[in-house]
Amino acid sequence: MAGLVPAIHVLQKEGVDARHKAGHDGVLGGIPMNVRISLSVLVIVAAVIFFFFYTETGRLLLAAMGFAKPS
């Protein structure tokens, strides 16, 4: 039961990691977190570029904002 004996780890000399998978900071599936974030940003940027330049709705929105001529 959680909280039955709170802060019992204070009595121990070594550090305690009470997470389910202790020791897995910043790595998920073997890929470092900064690489996963960079890839996610790249995918989002690619999706935005695709939307605005390769779909009719995106081209119309660009034209409405004054960034492109309507086709």
N, C-alpha and C. Protein backbone atom coordinates (compact mmCIF):
# COMPACT_ATOMS: atom_id res chain seq x y z
N MET A 1 0.84 -1.16 0.00
CA MET A 1 0.00 0.00 0.00
C MET A 1 0.90 1.24 0.00
N ALA A 2 0.70 2.11 -0.94
CA ALA A 2 1.54 3.29 -1.07
C ALA A 2 1.36 4.22 0.12
N GLY A 3 2.47 4.70 0.65
CA GLY A 3 2.42 5.67 1.73
C GLY A 3 2.25 5.07 3.11
N LEU A 4 2.28 3.74 3.21
CA LEU A 4 2.11 3.11 4.52
C LEU A 4 3.27 3.49 5.43
N VAL A 5 4.50 3.42 4.89
CA VAL A 5 5.68 3.83 5.64
C VAL A 5 6.40 4.86 4.80
N PRO A 6 6.00 6.12 4.87
CA PRO A 6 6.59 7.13 4.00
C PRO A 6 8.03 7.44 4.38
N ALA A 7 8.83 7.73 3.39
CA ALA A 7 10.21 8.20 3.55
C ALA A 7 11.10 7.22 4.27
N ILE A 8 10.87 5.92 4.11
CA ILE A 8 11.76 4.95 4.75
C ILE A 8 13.14 4.98 4.10
N HIS A 9 13.21 5.46 2.86
CA HIS A 9 14.50 5.52 2.19
C HIS A 9 15.44 6.56 2.81
N VAL A 10 14.94 7.42 3.67
CA VAL A 10 15.79 8.42 4.32
C VAL A 10 16.81 7.73 5.22
N LEU A 11 16.46 6.58 5.72
CA LEU A 11 17.35 5.86 6.62
C LEU A 11 18.46 5.11 5.89
N GLN A 12 18.36 4.98 4.58
CA GLN A 12 19.36 4.25 3.82
C GLN A 12 20.49 5.17 3.38
N LYS A 13 21.70 4.62 3.23
CA LYS A 13 22.87 5.40 2.84
C LYS A 13 22.92 5.63 1.33
N GLU A 14 22.50 4.66 0.53
CA GLU A 14 22.60 4.76 -0.93
C GLU A 14 21.35 5.44 -1.50
N GLY A 15 21.48 5.94 -2.73
CA GLY A 15 20.35 6.58 -3.37
C GLY A 15 19.28 5.57 -3.72
N VAL A 16 18.05 5.99 -3.71
CA VAL A 16 16.93 5.13 -4.00
C VAL A 16 16.20 5.66 -5.21
N ASP A 17 15.92 4.78 -6.16
CA ASP A 17 15.17 5.14 -7.35
C ASP A 17 13.90 4.29 -7.33
N ALA A 18 12.77 4.89 -6.96
CA ALA A 18 11.55 4.13 -6.74
C ALA A 18 10.70 3.99 -8.00
N ARG A 19 11.23 4.41 -9.16
CA ARG A 19 10.45 4.27 -10.39
C ARG A 19 10.37 2.81 -10.81
N HIS A 20 9.40 2.50 -11.64
CA HIS A 20 9.19 1.12 -12.08
C HIS A 20 10.40 0.58 -12.83
N LYS A 21 10.96 1.37 -13.75
CA LYS A 21 12.15 0.96 -14.49
C LYS A 21 13.27 1.90 -14.09
N ALA A 22 13.86 1.64 -12.97
CA ALA A 22 14.90 2.51 -12.44
C ALA A 22 16.12 2.54 -13.36
N GLY A 23 16.71 3.73 -13.51
CA GLY A 23 17.94 3.86 -14.26
C GLY A 23 17.78 4.11 -15.73
N HIS A 24 16.59 4.39 -16.20
CA HIS A 24 16.37 4.62 -17.63
C HIS A 24 16.09 6.10 -17.90
N ASP A 25 16.95 6.94 -17.42
CA ASP A 25 16.78 8.38 -17.63
C ASP A 25 17.15 8.77 -19.05
N GLY A 26 16.27 9.42 -19.75
CA GLY A 26 16.58 10.00 -21.03
C GLY A 26 16.71 9.04 -22.19
N VAL A 27 16.44 7.77 -22.01
CA VAL A 27 16.54 6.81 -23.10
C VAL A 27 15.23 6.03 -23.17
N LEU A 28 14.65 6.00 -24.36
CA LEU A 28 13.40 5.28 -24.55
C LEU A 28 13.55 4.41 -25.78
N GLY A 29 13.48 3.12 -25.61
CA GLY A 29 13.63 2.21 -26.73
C GLY A 29 15.03 2.21 -27.31
N GLY A 30 16.03 2.55 -26.51
CA GLY A 30 17.40 2.56 -26.97
C GLY A 30 17.80 3.82 -27.72
N ILE A 31 16.87 4.77 -27.91
CA ILE A 31 17.17 6.00 -28.62
C ILE A 31 17.18 7.14 -27.60
N PRO A 32 18.28 7.90 -27.52
CA PRO A 32 18.34 9.01 -26.56
C PRO A 32 17.20 10.01 -26.78
N MET A 33 16.76 10.62 -25.70
CA MET A 33 15.60 11.51 -25.75
C MET A 33 15.84 12.70 -26.67
N ASN A 34 17.07 13.26 -26.70
CA ASN A 34 17.31 14.41 -27.56
C ASN A 34 17.18 14.04 -29.04
N VAL A 35 17.54 12.81 -29.41
CA VAL A 35 17.39 12.36 -30.79
C VAL A 35 15.91 12.18 -31.11
N ARG A 36 15.15 11.63 -30.18
CA ARG A 36 13.71 11.44 -30.40
C ARG A 36 13.01 12.78 -30.58
N ILE A 37 13.38 13.78 -29.78
CA ILE A 37 12.77 15.10 -29.89
C ILE A 37 13.14 15.74 -31.22
N SER A 38 14.41 15.63 -31.62
CA SER A 38 14.84 16.20 -32.89
C SER A 38 14.10 15.56 -34.06
N LEU A 39 13.93 14.25 -34.02
CA LEU A 39 13.20 13.57 -35.09
C LEU A 39 11.73 13.98 -35.10
N SER A 40 11.15 14.17 -33.93
CA SER A 40 9.75 14.60 -33.86
C SER A 40 9.58 15.99 -34.46
N VAL A 41 10.49 16.90 -34.15
CA VAL A 41 10.43 18.25 -34.71
C VAL A 41 10.59 18.19 -36.23
N LEU A 42 11.50 17.36 -36.71
CA LEU A 42 11.71 17.22 -38.14
C LEU A 42 10.45 16.71 -38.84
N VAL A 43 9.78 15.75 -38.25
CA VAL A 43 8.55 15.21 -38.83
C VAL A 43 7.45 16.27 -38.86
N ILE A 44 7.34 17.06 -37.80
CA ILE A 44 6.33 18.12 -37.76
C ILE A 44 6.61 19.18 -38.82
N VAL A 45 7.87 19.58 -38.96
CA VAL A 45 8.23 20.57 -39.98
C VAL A 45 7.94 20.03 -41.37
N ALA A 46 8.28 18.76 -41.61
CA ALA A 46 8.00 18.16 -42.92
C ALA A 46 6.50 18.11 -43.19
N ALA A 47 5.71 17.82 -42.17
CA ALA A 47 4.25 17.78 -42.36
C ALA A 47 3.69 19.16 -42.68
N VAL A 48 4.21 20.19 -42.03
CA VAL A 48 3.75 21.56 -42.30
C VAL A 48 4.14 21.98 -43.72
N ILE A 49 5.36 21.68 -44.12
CA ILE A 49 5.80 22.00 -45.48
C ILE A 49 4.93 21.27 -46.49
N PHE A 50 4.70 19.98 -46.25
CA PHE A 50 3.85 19.21 -47.17
C PHE A 50 2.46 19.84 -47.27
N PHE A 51 1.88 20.19 -46.13
CA PHE A 51 0.53 20.75 -46.13
C PHE A 51 0.45 22.04 -46.95
N PHE A 52 1.39 22.96 -46.69
CA PHE A 52 1.29 24.26 -47.34
C PHE A 52 1.69 24.24 -48.82
N PHE A 53 2.56 23.35 -49.23
CA PHE A 53 3.04 23.38 -50.61
C PHE A 53 2.49 22.28 -51.50
N TYR A 54 1.91 21.24 -50.91
CA TYR A 54 1.46 20.12 -51.73
C TYR A 54 -0.03 19.83 -51.61
N THR A 55 -0.76 20.64 -50.87
CA THR A 55 -2.21 20.47 -50.82
C THR A 55 -2.88 21.75 -51.30
N GLU A 56 -4.03 21.61 -51.89
CA GLU A 56 -4.76 22.76 -52.41
C GLU A 56 -5.16 23.71 -51.27
N THR A 57 -5.60 23.14 -50.16
CA THR A 57 -5.99 23.96 -49.01
C THR A 57 -4.81 24.77 -48.50
N GLY A 58 -3.66 24.15 -48.41
CA GLY A 58 -2.47 24.86 -47.95
C GLY A 58 -2.08 25.98 -48.88
N ARG A 59 -2.13 25.72 -50.18
CA ARG A 59 -1.80 26.77 -51.16
C ARG A 59 -2.80 27.92 -51.07
N LEU A 60 -4.07 27.60 -50.87
CA LEU A 60 -5.08 28.66 -50.72
C LEU A 60 -4.85 29.48 -49.45
N LEU A 61 -4.46 28.81 -48.37
CA LEU A 61 -4.16 29.54 -47.14
C LEU A 61 -2.95 30.45 -47.31
N LEU A 62 -1.91 29.97 -48.00
CA LEU A 62 -0.75 30.81 -48.26
C LEU A 62 -1.15 32.03 -49.09
N ALA A 63 -2.01 31.83 -50.09
CA ALA A 63 -2.47 32.93 -50.93
C ALA A 63 -3.30 33.91 -50.10
N ALA A 64 -4.14 33.39 -49.23
CA ALA A 64 -4.98 34.26 -48.39
C ALA A 64 -4.14 35.09 -47.43
N MET A 65 -3.00 34.54 -46.99
CA MET A 65 -2.11 35.28 -46.09
C MET A 65 -1.18 36.22 -46.85
N GLY A 66 -1.21 36.15 -48.17
CA GLY A 66 -0.38 37.04 -48.98
C GLY A 66 1.01 36.52 -49.26
N PHE A 67 1.27 35.24 -49.01
CA PHE A 67 2.60 34.68 -49.23
C PHE A 67 2.77 34.03 -50.60
N ALA A 68 1.69 33.83 -51.32
CA ALA A 68 1.79 33.17 -52.62
C ALA A 68 0.65 33.64 -53.51
N LYS A 69 0.84 33.47 -54.81
CA LYS A 69 -0.22 33.78 -55.75
C LYS A 69 -1.19 32.62 -55.79
N PRO A 70 -2.49 32.87 -55.88
CA PRO A 70 -3.45 31.76 -55.99
C PRO A 70 -3.25 31.03 -57.31
N SER A 71 -3.37 29.72 -57.26
CA SER A 71 -3.19 28.93 -58.48
C SER A 71 -4.49 28.69 -59.20
